[in-house]
Protein backbone atom coordinates (compact mmCIF):
# COMPACT_ATOMS: atom_id res chain seq x y z
CA MET A 1 0.00 0.00 0.00
CA THR A 2 1.38 3.40 -0.97
CA GLU A 3 1.83 5.68 2.02
CA ILE A 4 -0.06 8.97 2.02
CA ILE A 5 0.74 11.55 4.70
CA ASP A 6 -1.59 14.46 5.41
CA ALA A 7 0.72 17.29 6.47
CA TRP A 8 -1.97 19.63 7.87
CA MET A 9 -5.17 18.62 9.63
CA GLN A 10 -7.04 19.14 12.88
CA LEU A 11 -8.98 16.70 15.05
CA PRO A 12 -12.00 18.94 15.58
CA ASN A 13 -14.10 19.26 18.68
CA LYS A 14 -17.41 21.08 19.17
CA GLU A 15 -15.81 24.29 20.44
CA TYR A 16 -13.55 24.43 17.40
CA LEU A 17 -16.22 23.61 14.80
CA LEU A 18 -18.75 26.11 16.17
CA ASN A 19 -16.41 28.95 17.16
CA PRO A 20 -17.77 32.31 15.88
CA MET A 21 -14.34 33.05 14.46
CA PHE A 22 -15.12 30.56 11.69
CA ASP A 23 -18.50 31.95 10.65
CA SER A 24 -17.05 32.85 7.25
CA LEU A 25 -15.83 29.27 6.71
CA ARG A 26 -19.20 27.79 7.62
CA ARG A 27 -20.82 29.87 4.87
CA TRP A 28 -18.83 27.90 2.31
CA PRO A 29 -20.27 24.55 1.14
CA THR A 30 -17.48 22.43 2.65
CA ASN A 31 -17.11 19.45 4.94
CA TRP A 32 -16.64 21.96 7.81
CA SER A 33 -20.14 23.41 7.38
CA SER A 34 -21.62 19.89 7.13
CA LEU A 35 -19.93 18.74 10.33
CA ALA A 36 -20.88 21.92 12.20
CA LEU A 37 -24.52 21.32 11.28
CA ASP A 38 -24.77 17.53 11.53
CA ASN A 39 -21.97 16.19 13.75
CA PRO A 40 -20.20 18.90 15.79
CA SER A 41 -19.25 16.39 18.51
CA ILE A 42 -17.41 14.10 16.08
CA LYS A 43 -15.00 11.71 17.84
CA HIS A 44 -11.35 11.20 16.95
CA GLU A 45 -12.09 7.58 16.09
CA GLU A 46 -14.62 8.68 13.47
CA VAL A 47 -12.06 11.00 11.89
CA MET A 48 -9.41 8.30 11.74
CA ASP A 49 -11.88 5.78 10.29
CA LEU A 50 -12.65 8.33 7.57
CA PHE A 51 -8.98 8.95 6.84
CA ARG A 52 -8.20 5.23 6.60
CA SER A 53 -11.18 4.60 4.34
CA GLN A 54 -10.04 7.39 2.02
CA GLY A 55 -6.46 6.21 1.72
CA VAL A 56 -4.49 8.38 4.18
CA THR A 57 -2.09 6.22 6.18
CA ARG A 58 -0.65 8.94 8.46
CA ALA A 59 -1.88 12.38 9.48
CA ILE A 60 -0.09 15.28 11.14
CA ALA A 61 -2.60 16.70 13.64
CA SER A 62 -2.18 20.07 15.31
CA ALA A 63 -3.45 21.61 18.50
CA TRP A 64 -4.96 25.12 18.30
CA TRP A 65 -4.02 27.98 20.61
CA GLY A 66 -4.88 31.63 20.10
CA PRO A 67 -5.04 34.82 22.18
CA ALA A 68 -8.26 33.61 23.84
CA GLY A 69 -6.67 30.31 24.86
CA PRO A 70 -6.67 26.76 23.46
CA MET A 71 -9.51 25.41 21.34
CA ILE A 72 -7.86 22.04 20.69
CA THR A 73 -5.43 21.33 23.51
CA ASN A 74 -2.05 19.68 23.25
CA ASP A 75 -3.29 17.00 25.64
CA GLU A 76 -6.26 16.23 23.38
CA VAL A 77 -3.91 15.72 20.45
CA ALA A 78 -1.54 13.64 22.58
CA ALA A 79 -4.41 11.36 23.66
CA ALA A 80 -5.39 10.82 20.02
CA VAL A 81 -1.77 10.09 19.05
CA ARG A 82 -1.56 7.48 21.84
CA ALA A 83 -4.81 5.90 20.67
CA HIS A 84 -3.61 5.70 17.05
CA PRO A 85 0.12 4.91 17.15
CA GLY A 86 1.74 5.05 13.75
CA GLN A 87 -1.27 6.78 12.22
CA LEU A 88 -1.18 10.18 13.94
CA VAL A 89 1.71 12.60 14.45
CA GLY A 90 1.28 15.45 16.93
CA VAL A 91 2.06 19.13 16.40
CA ALA A 92 1.95 21.50 19.36
CA SER A 93 0.40 24.94 19.73
CA VAL A 94 1.28 27.44 22.47
CA ASP A 95 0.57 30.91 23.84
CA ILE A 96 3.21 33.05 22.13
CA SER A 97 2.42 36.03 24.37
CA ARG A 98 4.05 34.25 27.35
CA ALA A 99 7.53 33.39 26.13
CA MET A 100 8.85 31.05 28.81
CA ASP A 101 5.51 29.35 29.40
CA ALA A 102 5.35 28.75 25.66
CA VAL A 103 8.87 27.31 25.52
CA ARG A 104 8.21 25.03 28.47
CA GLU A 105 4.92 23.82 26.99
CA LEU A 106 6.63 23.08 23.68
CA ARG A 107 9.36 21.10 25.47
CA ARG A 108 6.69 19.12 27.32
CA CYS A 109 4.90 18.25 24.10
CA VAL A 110 8.07 17.06 22.41
CA LYS A 111 9.70 15.25 25.33
CA GLU A 112 6.56 13.69 26.87
CA PHE A 113 4.35 13.20 23.82
CA GLY A 114 6.84 12.88 20.97
CA PHE A 115 5.36 15.76 18.95
CA LYS A 116 7.19 16.58 15.73
CA GLY A 117 6.38 20.25 15.27
CA LEU A 118 4.95 23.53 16.47
CA ARG A 119 2.24 25.46 14.64
CA VAL A 120 1.42 29.15 15.09
CA LEU A 121 -1.07 30.99 12.88
CA PRO A 122 0.05 34.58 12.22
CA TRP A 123 -3.44 35.79 11.27
CA LEU A 124 -4.86 34.41 14.53
CA TRP A 125 -2.39 36.42 16.61
CA GLY A 126 -2.32 39.43 14.27
CA LEU A 127 1.48 39.18 14.27
CA PRO A 128 3.72 38.37 11.28
CA PRO A 129 6.25 35.58 11.87
CA ASP A 130 9.22 37.95 12.21
CA ASP A 131 7.69 39.48 15.36
CA ARG A 132 9.92 39.15 18.43
CA ARG A 133 7.37 36.97 20.23
CA TYR A 134 8.07 34.03 17.92
CA TYR A 135 11.84 34.10 18.26
CA PRO A 136 12.32 32.10 21.51
CA LEU A 137 10.18 29.38 19.94
CA TYR A 138 12.23 29.27 16.75
CA ALA A 139 15.37 28.75 18.81
CA GLU A 140 13.67 25.99 20.80
CA CYS A 141 12.40 24.28 17.64
CA ILE A 142 15.99 24.12 16.40
CA GLU A 143 17.24 22.77 19.73
CA LEU A 144 14.47 20.13 19.79
CA ASP A 145 14.97 19.36 16.08
CA ILE A 146 11.30 19.83 15.24
CA THR A 147 9.50 21.67 12.45
CA PHE A 148 7.78 25.05 12.62
CA CYS A 149 4.44 25.31 10.80
CA LEU A 150 2.44 28.41 9.98
CA GLN A 151 -0.23 29.50 7.55
CA VAL A 152 0.93 31.47 4.54
CA GLY A 153 -1.41 33.41 2.27
CA HIS A 154 -4.76 34.98 2.95
CA ALA A 155 -6.87 34.31 6.06
CA GLY A 156 -10.19 32.58 5.50
CA PRO A 157 -11.64 33.72 8.85
CA MET A 158 -12.52 37.39 9.24
CA CYS A 159 -9.02 38.54 10.21
CA PRO A 160 -6.46 40.61 8.27
CA SER A 161 -4.36 38.57 5.85
CA GLU A 162 -1.19 40.69 5.81
CA PRO A 163 0.63 38.61 8.50
CA GLY A 164 0.46 35.66 6.09
CA ARG A 165 2.42 37.35 3.31
CA PRO A 166 5.66 35.40 2.71
CA ILE A 167 7.87 38.37 1.77
CA PRO A 168 9.23 40.11 3.77
CA TYR A 169 8.07 38.41 6.98
CA LEU A 170 8.85 34.73 6.47
CA ASP A 171 11.89 35.59 4.38
CA ASN A 172 13.31 37.45 7.39
CA VAL A 173 12.77 34.40 9.61
CA ALA A 174 14.44 32.01 7.16
CA HIS A 175 17.44 34.33 6.94
CA GLU A 176 17.81 34.67 10.70
CA PHE A 177 17.15 30.97 11.48
CA PRO A 178 18.55 29.02 8.51
CA GLU A 179 18.54 25.76 10.51
CA LEU A 180 14.78 26.01 11.18
CA ARG A 181 12.61 23.68 9.10
CA ILE A 182 9.54 25.68 8.05
CA VAL A 183 6.32 24.36 6.48
CA GLY A 184 3.93 27.01 5.19
CA GLY A 185 0.34 25.80 5.00
CA HIS A 186 -2.35 26.56 2.42
CA ILE A 187 -0.16 27.19 -0.67
CA GLY A 188 0.33 30.92 0.02
CA PHE A 189 -2.39 32.25 -2.28
CA PRO A 190 -2.52 35.01 -3.52
CA TRP A 191 1.26 35.25 -2.98
CA VAL A 192 2.14 31.87 -4.50
CA ALA A 193 5.05 33.32 -6.50
CA GLU A 194 6.49 34.81 -3.31
CA MET A 195 6.25 31.44 -1.56
CA ILE A 196 7.93 29.68 -4.48
CA SER A 197 10.73 32.23 -4.45
CA LEU A 198 11.34 31.54 -0.75
CA MET A 199 11.51 27.79 -1.36
CA MET A 200 13.94 28.32 -4.22
CA LYS A 201 16.08 30.50 -1.95
CA HIS A 202 15.95 28.72 1.42
CA PRO A 203 16.73 24.96 1.66
CA ASN A 204 14.57 24.43 4.77
CA VAL A 205 11.37 26.14 3.58
CA TYR A 206 8.46 23.99 2.34
CA VAL A 207 4.79 24.49 1.53
CA ASP A 208 1.75 22.23 1.78
CA THR A 209 -1.42 22.23 -0.30
CA SER A 210 -3.90 22.01 2.58
CA ALA A 211 -7.25 23.78 2.08
CA TYR A 212 -6.98 23.33 -1.70
CA LYS A 213 -8.32 20.62 -3.97
CA ALA A 214 -5.92 19.59 -6.74
CA SER A 215 -8.25 21.13 -9.30
CA ARG A 216 -7.60 24.53 -7.68
CA PHE A 217 -3.79 24.40 -7.55
CA PRO A 218 -2.34 27.48 -9.30
CA GLN A 219 -0.52 26.60 -12.50
CA GLU A 220 2.68 28.20 -11.23
CA LEU A 221 2.69 25.80 -8.27
CA ILE A 222 2.07 22.78 -10.52
CA SER A 223 4.96 23.80 -12.77
CA TYR A 224 7.20 24.20 -9.72
CA MET A 225 6.19 20.75 -8.42
CA ARG A 226 7.03 19.13 -11.76
CA GLY A 227 10.44 20.81 -11.86
CA PRO A 228 12.75 22.33 -9.22
CA GLY A 229 10.16 22.10 -6.44
CA LYS A 230 9.53 18.37 -6.60
CA LYS A 231 10.97 17.92 -3.10
CA LYS A 232 9.36 21.02 -1.56
CA VAL A 233 5.56 20.58 -1.75
CA LEU A 234 3.55 18.45 0.71
CA TYR A 235 0.04 17.03 0.44
CA GLY A 236 -2.46 18.26 3.05
CA THR A 237 -6.21 18.62 3.62
CA ASN A 238 -6.87 21.18 6.36
CA TYR A 239 -9.50 18.75 7.66
CA PRO A 240 -12.23 19.40 8.79
CA MET A 241 -12.47 21.93 5.95
CA LEU A 242 -11.80 19.31 3.26
CA THR A 243 -11.69 15.52 3.36
CA PRO A 244 -8.81 13.38 2.07
CA ALA A 245 -10.94 12.14 -0.82
CA GLU A 246 -11.65 15.69 -1.95
CA CYS A 247 -7.96 16.58 -1.85
CA LEU A 248 -6.80 13.37 -3.55
CA ALA A 249 -9.30 13.65 -6.39
CA ASP A 250 -7.83 14.98 -9.65
CA ILE A 251 -4.19 14.57 -8.57
CA ASP A 252 -3.58 12.28 -11.56
CA ALA A 253 -4.80 15.08 -13.82
CA LEU A 254 -1.81 17.20 -12.67
CA ASP A 255 0.48 14.88 -14.69
CA LEU A 256 3.15 14.85 -12.00
CA GLY A 257 4.63 11.47 -12.88
CA ASP A 258 5.22 8.61 -10.44
CA GLU A 259 8.34 10.05 -8.78
CA VAL A 260 6.91 13.50 -8.08
CA LYS A 261 3.56 12.07 -6.98
CA GLN A 262 5.31 9.86 -4.41
CA LEU A 263 7.36 12.80 -3.15
CA PHE A 264 4.24 14.97 -2.91
CA LEU A 265 2.05 12.42 -1.14
CA ALA A 266 4.54 11.12 1.43
CA ASP A 267 8.30 11.51 1.00
CA ASN A 268 8.43 15.30 1.31
CA ALA A 269 6.44 15.22 4.55
CA ARG A 270 8.79 12.59 5.97
CA ARG A 271 11.75 14.83 5.16
CA ALA A 272 10.19 18.10 6.36
CA PHE A 273 9.06 16.59 9.69
CA LYS A 274 11.87 14.01 10.09
CA LEU A 275 9.38 11.14 10.29
CA GLU A 276 10.33 7.50 10.36
CA VAL A 277 9.37 5.33 7.40
CA ALA A 278 6.07 3.61 8.22
């Protein structure tokens, strides 16, 4: 069986699915709006059954922490990872406004739970990634040898999108922390060319395609995947927004070839997150 790794997903709970922050997302006809209406208390086991049935063998699941506190806690993610060994990989989230508390929480998640990354959403905090409040965490990610994840591109929720612009903000980070492995989520639209330029420039910068069906990939990204970016682009869903089946549909129509398709669906995620071979 070919391995497929989802590089960006959430294990939703009721608070997360129904949070007013996501009113704009629930207006879209997506899996998110269906779950919020029909099954807001969905269990982790149901999510994993869905992923297995739709061909995803491993998923990288993130906690969610914003200025108002956690919506999906690190301990919730850790419990799911323990319940599904080999199928779930944990990514931490922390309160970046409290530097030492954040560093200590990140250490706990890595050393006690085996998490492989940290995710912070710049639009959620209203702070671009070169803000000083991120910097202790970048240093700790390097020391722990884990990956830093963030959203690049516009914000779907009703928050300003400017913190998600790759240049100059993420470019500054990659210059100042060249050892830091960085995965930008959600392609980077409408600044896809900026994101590609960063990946061309910085060896440790990657992007994933979460929140986008293959039929909506920008042509410039497809061309990059087929050529110099074949080892830089990761498959992702942004579940609960989209399901694996929705994001896997039409991939063959991209004409990536067997090598690039394998890199995209699994190998690049293993490299970016330093995952063991399943």
